[in-house]
Amino acid sequence: MANLKELKNQINSVKGTQKTTKAMKLVSTAKLRRAEVALKNSKVYANKIEELVSSIASKISSMKDTIDNRAFKDIEVKKVDIIFVTADKGLCGGFNHQTIKAVSKLLKEFKEKDVKVRLRGIGRKGIEYFKFNEYELSDEKIGLSASPDYEEASNFIKTSYEDFMNGETDQVILVHNGYVNKIVQEIRIDTLLPLKFEKPTEENQIVDIEPKNDEEKVLTELVQKYVEFSQFFALLDSLAAEHSARMQAMDAATNNASEKVKELTLAYNKARQEAVTTELIEIISGMEALKK
């Protein structure tokens, strides 16, 4: 009977876990809907500003000797800023691990090239991992990945932007796990600075910037706005991906719990049947012994 009691406790425990994972899946589903709306509303602006900066960069490439803006120049990379975004919480499958894996790969590649790296992190899980593995973080932020805010995002990446423009670093890379759809997440590794451009064609070699005689100021403000919004958009993208990953993980956990309940129930019924059979045998044996 002790075995039956243990099995019954296990069944109740797994059912309790199943209720929790099912509730967490529903919560993540609701949060994902809100995150998708925020991401969709920001995507149009993100695409437009990226298209504009890319277009300007490709045109300026033919006149880079006359433009004194470091964001548009070819630079020998000796020091890099890597900014990563992870979640503050777990229970979302391999979501955080994929970002950590991508950052670790970059760190290894830059180390082999003898390039210095300054690591900056957003999100508790990534920060804790790299600290545990004795990586030095020059800056960290917890809470921002769970609740993206444009002003906070701008302030966080401001140091990387200013250090690049002042020549203290030579490249700014942003790494996060992005949202593709409710089932798929994708690692995104974006070089924010310097701006990359395609080889210009003859028809796009001339660029006019208004107001005249103030090109540098306009370009500087545009680049800064692009970098700031890229950081903010990455947070929105990461948050949507986090919720979709957690929704999948909790759905899988709920299904696994359901299968476990079936297995334990089958074992419980079998043990109960064996216990009843054993009692019957004992009763029959006792009755036979009394007859003798």
Protein backbone atom coordinates (compact mmCIF):
# COMPACT_ATOMS: atom_id res chain seq x y z
CA MET A 1 0.00 0.00 0.00
CA ALA A 2 2.93 2.33 0.59
CA ASN A 3 3.80 2.01 -3.08
CA LEU A 4 0.25 3.02 -4.01
CA LYS A 5 0.47 6.07 -1.78
CA GLU A 6 3.76 7.14 -3.34
CA LEU A 7 2.33 6.77 -6.84
CA LYS A 8 -0.77 8.75 -5.87
CA ASN A 9 1.41 11.56 -4.49
CA GLN A 10 3.48 11.58 -7.68
CA ILE A 11 0.32 11.82 -9.81
CA ASN A 12 -0.98 14.74 -7.75
CA SER A 13 2.42 16.45 -7.92
CA VAL A 14 2.65 16.14 -11.70
CA LYS A 15 -0.95 17.35 -12.10
CA GLY A 16 -0.06 20.39 -10.01
CA THR A 17 2.93 21.09 -12.25
CA GLN A 18 0.74 20.63 -15.30
CA LYS A 19 -1.71 23.28 -14.05
CA THR A 20 1.19 25.69 -13.47
CA THR A 21 2.75 25.18 -16.91
CA LYS A 22 -0.65 25.49 -18.58
CA ALA A 23 -1.29 28.78 -16.76
CA MET A 24 2.18 30.04 -17.70
CA LYS A 25 1.51 29.17 -21.34
CA LEU A 26 -1.72 31.20 -21.28
CA VAL A 27 0.06 34.16 -19.67
CA SER A 28 2.86 34.02 -22.27
CA THR A 29 0.28 33.82 -25.08
CA ALA A 30 -1.42 36.98 -23.83
CA LYS A 31 1.90 38.79 -23.38
CA LEU A 32 3.02 37.68 -26.85
CA ARG A 33 -0.03 39.31 -28.43
CA ARG A 34 0.85 42.64 -26.81
CA ALA A 35 4.53 42.26 -27.72
CA GLU A 36 3.61 41.49 -31.35
CA VAL A 37 1.55 44.69 -31.58
CA ALA A 38 4.38 46.81 -30.16
CA LEU A 39 6.87 45.14 -32.51
CA LYS A 40 4.64 45.60 -35.55
CA ASN A 41 4.03 49.29 -34.74
CA SER A 42 7.79 49.92 -34.45
CA LYS A 43 8.86 47.83 -37.43
CA VAL A 44 7.74 50.31 -40.08
CA TYR A 45 9.83 53.10 -38.55
CA ALA A 46 12.78 50.72 -38.00
CA ASN A 47 12.73 49.62 -41.64
CA LYS A 48 12.46 53.19 -42.93
CA ILE A 49 15.30 54.60 -40.86
CA GLU A 50 17.51 51.61 -41.74
CA GLU A 51 16.67 52.06 -45.42
CA LEU A 52 17.45 55.79 -45.23
CA VAL A 53 20.77 55.33 -43.43
CA SER A 54 21.78 52.50 -45.77
CA SER A 55 20.95 54.63 -48.80
CA ILE A 56 22.92 57.60 -47.49
CA ALA A 57 25.84 55.37 -46.53
CA SER A 58 26.03 53.85 -50.01
CA LYS A 59 26.03 57.29 -51.60
CA ILE A 60 28.55 58.77 -49.20
CA SER A 61 30.95 55.91 -49.90
CA SER A 62 31.85 57.64 -53.17
CA MET A 63 32.59 60.92 -51.40
CA LYS A 64 33.89 59.65 -48.03
CA ASP A 65 37.04 61.75 -48.31
CA THR A 66 34.92 64.89 -48.05
CA ILE A 67 32.67 63.63 -45.22
CA ASP A 68 34.29 63.79 -41.80
CA ASN A 69 31.93 61.38 -40.01
CA ARG A 70 33.48 58.30 -38.43
CA ALA A 71 30.29 56.27 -38.81
CA PHE A 72 30.75 56.25 -42.60
CA LYS A 73 34.45 55.42 -42.72
CA ASP A 74 36.42 52.21 -43.14
CA ILE A 75 38.11 51.55 -39.81
CA GLU A 76 40.70 49.01 -38.73
CA VAL A 77 39.06 47.09 -35.90
CA LYS A 78 41.16 46.96 -32.74
CA LYS A 79 38.49 47.37 -30.07
CA VAL A 80 34.86 46.26 -30.22
CA ASP A 81 31.74 46.90 -28.17
CA ILE A 82 29.45 43.85 -28.01
CA ILE A 83 25.99 44.53 -26.61
CA PHE A 84 23.79 41.51 -25.94
CA VAL A 85 20.13 41.19 -24.96
CA THR A 86 18.76 38.21 -23.01
CA ALA A 87 15.72 37.68 -20.80
CA ASP A 88 15.59 38.32 -17.07
CA LYS A 89 13.81 34.99 -16.53
CA GLY A 90 14.25 31.41 -17.65
CA LEU A 91 11.72 28.67 -18.48
CA CYS A 92 11.83 29.62 -22.17
CA GLY A 93 13.68 26.69 -23.68
CA GLY A 94 16.96 27.50 -25.41
CA PHE A 95 16.08 31.18 -25.93
CA ASN A 96 18.77 32.62 -23.66
CA HIS A 97 21.30 29.90 -24.44
CA GLN A 98 21.25 30.72 -28.16
CA THR A 99 22.16 34.35 -27.50
CA ILE A 100 24.87 33.39 -25.01
CA LYS A 101 26.26 30.88 -27.51
CA ALA A 102 26.40 33.52 -30.28
CA VAL A 103 28.15 36.04 -28.00
CA SER A 104 30.63 33.42 -26.79
CA LYS A 105 31.48 32.57 -30.39
CA LEU A 106 32.12 36.24 -31.18
CA LEU A 107 34.33 36.60 -28.10
CA LYS A 108 36.39 33.61 -29.20
CA GLU A 109 36.75 34.92 -32.78
CA PHE A 110 37.86 38.37 -31.65
CA LYS A 111 40.30 36.87 -29.16
CA GLU A 112 41.92 34.85 -31.94
CA LYS A 113 42.29 38.08 -33.96
CA ASP A 114 43.77 39.85 -30.93
CA VAL A 115 40.90 42.36 -30.91
CA LYS A 116 39.91 43.81 -27.54
CA VAL A 117 36.25 43.39 -26.60
CA ARG A 118 34.13 45.42 -24.24
CA LEU A 119 31.08 43.39 -23.22
CA ARG A 120 27.85 45.14 -22.27
CA GLY A 121 24.73 43.24 -21.28
CA ILE A 122 20.97 43.63 -20.95
CA GLY A 123 19.06 40.84 -19.19
CA ARG A 124 19.71 38.92 -15.98
CA LYS A 125 20.32 35.50 -17.56
CA GLY A 126 23.11 36.63 -19.88
CA ILE A 127 24.69 38.86 -17.26
CA GLU A 128 24.74 36.07 -14.67
CA TYR A 129 26.23 33.61 -17.16
CA PHE A 130 29.15 35.79 -18.21
CA LYS A 131 29.83 36.92 -14.66
CA PHE A 132 29.88 33.30 -13.50
CA ASN A 133 32.36 32.50 -16.27
CA GLU A 134 34.52 35.43 -15.13
CA TYR A 135 33.95 37.76 -18.07
CA GLU A 136 34.17 41.43 -17.22
CA LEU A 137 31.10 43.45 -18.15
CA SER A 138 31.65 47.18 -18.64
CA ASP A 139 27.93 47.87 -18.27
CA GLU A 140 24.81 45.91 -17.37
CA LYS A 141 21.08 46.50 -17.14
CA ILE A 142 18.43 44.27 -15.57
CA GLY A 143 14.72 44.88 -16.13
CA LEU A 144 14.99 46.65 -19.49
CA SER A 145 14.55 43.50 -21.62
CA ALA A 146 11.32 42.66 -19.74
CA SER A 147 9.95 46.18 -20.12
CA PRO A 148 11.51 48.02 -23.10
CA ASP A 149 11.69 51.78 -22.78
CA TYR A 150 13.04 54.06 -25.50
CA GLU A 151 14.68 56.56 -23.17
CA GLU A 152 16.42 53.87 -21.12
CA ALA A 153 17.51 52.05 -24.28
CA SER A 154 18.94 55.30 -25.66
CA ASN A 155 20.82 56.00 -22.44
CA PHE A 156 22.25 52.49 -22.38
CA ILE A 157 23.68 52.58 -25.90
CA LYS A 158 24.75 56.22 -25.65
CA THR A 159 28.14 55.27 -24.19
CA SER A 160 28.87 52.87 -27.06
CA TYR A 161 27.85 55.48 -29.62
CA GLU A 162 29.93 58.27 -28.09
CA ASP A 163 32.99 56.07 -27.56
CA PHE A 164 32.86 54.99 -31.19
CA MET A 165 32.49 58.52 -32.49
CA ASN A 166 35.37 59.64 -30.23
CA GLY A 167 37.62 56.88 -31.54
CA GLU A 168 37.80 54.87 -28.31
CA THR A 169 36.20 51.84 -30.02
CA ASP A 170 36.12 50.76 -33.66
CA GLN A 171 32.95 48.72 -33.93
CA VAL A 172 29.59 48.32 -32.18
CA ILE A 173 27.81 44.95 -32.45
CA LEU A 174 24.33 44.16 -31.16
CA VAL A 175 23.34 40.53 -30.48
CA HIS A 176 19.85 39.28 -29.58
CA ASN A 177 17.43 36.46 -30.26
CA GLY A 178 14.73 37.87 -32.54
CA TYR A 179 11.11 37.06 -33.30
CA VAL A 180 10.23 35.40 -36.61
CA ASN A 181 6.85 33.90 -35.75
CA LYS A 182 5.12 32.12 -32.87
CA ILE A 183 7.24 29.02 -33.45
CA VAL A 184 10.58 30.34 -34.70
CA GLN A 185 13.17 32.62 -33.09
CA GLU A 186 16.35 33.72 -34.87
CA ILE A 187 19.70 34.99 -33.63
CA ARG A 188 20.45 38.45 -35.00
CA ILE A 189 24.00 39.82 -35.03
CA ASP A 190 23.96 43.41 -36.28
CA THR A 191 26.95 45.70 -36.78
CA LEU A 192 25.52 49.09 -35.87
CA LEU A 193 28.75 51.06 -36.29
CA PRO A 194 30.47 51.73 -38.60
CA LEU A 195 27.62 51.75 -41.11
CA LYS A 196 27.90 49.14 -43.82
CA PHE A 197 27.11 50.09 -47.39
CA GLU A 198 26.97 48.51 -50.82
CA LYS A 199 29.18 49.61 -53.66
CA PRO A 200 27.53 52.71 -55.16
CA THR A 201 26.13 52.75 -58.67
CA GLU A 202 26.54 55.70 -61.01
CA GLU A 203 23.02 56.98 -60.45
CA ASN A 204 23.33 57.18 -56.65
CA GLN A 205 26.70 58.84 -56.31
CA ILE A 206 25.26 62.29 -55.57
CA VAL A 207 23.61 63.04 -52.25
CA ASP A 208 21.98 66.31 -51.22
CA ILE A 209 21.59 67.09 -47.53
CA GLU A 210 19.43 69.91 -46.22
CA PRO A 211 20.09 72.36 -44.68
CA LYS A 212 23.14 73.21 -46.74
CA ASN A 213 26.47 73.79 -44.98
CA ASP A 214 25.25 71.73 -42.01
CA GLU A 215 25.73 68.24 -43.40
CA GLU A 216 27.84 66.93 -40.51
CA LYS A 217 25.26 67.87 -37.87
CA VAL A 218 22.42 66.30 -39.84
CA LEU A 219 24.37 63.10 -40.44
CA THR A 220 25.47 62.86 -36.82
CA GLU A 221 21.93 63.27 -35.52
CA LEU A 222 20.61 60.76 -38.05
CA VAL A 223 23.22 58.15 -37.12
CA GLN A 224 22.58 58.65 -33.42
CA LYS A 225 18.83 58.27 -33.93
CA TYR A 226 19.43 55.10 -35.98
CA VAL A 227 21.65 53.56 -33.27
CA GLU A 228 19.24 54.45 -30.47
CA PHE A 229 16.20 53.08 -32.25
CA SER A 230 18.09 49.93 -33.26
CA GLN A 231 18.73 49.25 -29.58
CA PHE A 232 15.08 49.88 -28.68
CA PHE A 233 13.80 47.76 -31.57
CA ALA A 234 16.12 44.90 -30.56
CA LEU A 235 14.51 44.96 -27.09
CA LEU A 236 11.01 44.75 -28.58
CA ASP A 237 12.13 42.01 -30.96
CA SER A 238 13.76 40.06 -28.14
CA LEU A 239 10.73 40.39 -25.86
CA ALA A 240 8.35 39.01 -28.49
CA ALA A 241 10.76 36.14 -29.16
CA GLU A 242 11.07 35.46 -25.41
CA HIS A 243 7.30 35.16 -24.97
CA SER A 244 6.95 32.91 -28.02
CA ALA A 245 9.79 30.69 -26.77
CA ARG A 246 8.27 30.49 -23.27
CA MET A 247 4.85 29.71 -24.74
CA GLN A 248 6.37 26.80 -26.68
CA ALA A 249 8.36 25.59 -23.67
CA MET A 250 5.33 25.64 -21.38
CA ASP A 251 3.20 23.92 -24.02
CA ALA A 252 5.81 21.15 -24.31
CA ALA A 253 6.04 20.91 -20.50
CA THR A 254 2.25 20.63 -20.23
CA ASN A 255 2.17 17.85 -22.83
CA ASN A 256 5.02 16.02 -21.10
CA ALA A 257 3.21 16.30 -17.78
CA SER A 258 0.08 14.86 -19.38
CA GLU A 259 2.06 11.89 -20.68
CA LYS A 260 3.68 11.42 -17.27
CA VAL A 261 0.26 11.40 -15.57
CA LYS A 262 -0.87 8.68 -17.97
CA GLU A 263 2.22 6.58 -17.19
CA LEU A 264 1.85 7.02 -13.43
CA THR A 265 -1.90 6.31 -13.56
CA LEU A 266 -1.21 3.11 -15.47
CA ALA A 267 1.43 2.12 -12.90
CA TYR A 268 -0.95 3.03 -10.07
CA ASN A 269 -3.78 0.89 -11.52
CA LYS A 270 -1.40 -2.01 -12.08
CA ALA A 271 -0.03 -1.76 -8.51
CA ARG A 272 -3.57 -1.51 -7.16
CA GLN A 273 -4.63 -4.57 -9.12
CA GLU A 274 -1.62 -6.48 -7.83
CA ALA A 275 -2.43 -5.41 -4.26
CA VAL A 276 -6.04 -6.58 -4.59
CA THR A 277 -4.91 -9.90 -6.09
CA THR A 278 -2.40 -10.40 -3.27
CA GLU A 279 -5.11 -9.74 -0.65
CA LEU A 280 -7.47 -12.20 -2.32
CA ILE A 281 -4.77 -14.85 -2.41
CA GLU A 282 -4.06 -14.27 1.27
CA ILE A 283 -7.76 -14.53 2.15
CA ILE A 284 -8.23 -17.69 0.12
CA SER A 285 -5.07 -19.21 1.62
CA GLY A 286 -6.33 -18.38 5.10
CA MET A 287 -9.70 -19.98 4.44
CA GLU A 288 -8.03 -23.12 3.09
CA ALA A 289 -5.83 -23.29 6.17
CA LEU A 290 -8.92 -23.14 8.44
CA LYS A 291 -10.53 -26.05 6.62
CA LYS A 292 -7.60 -28.36 7.47
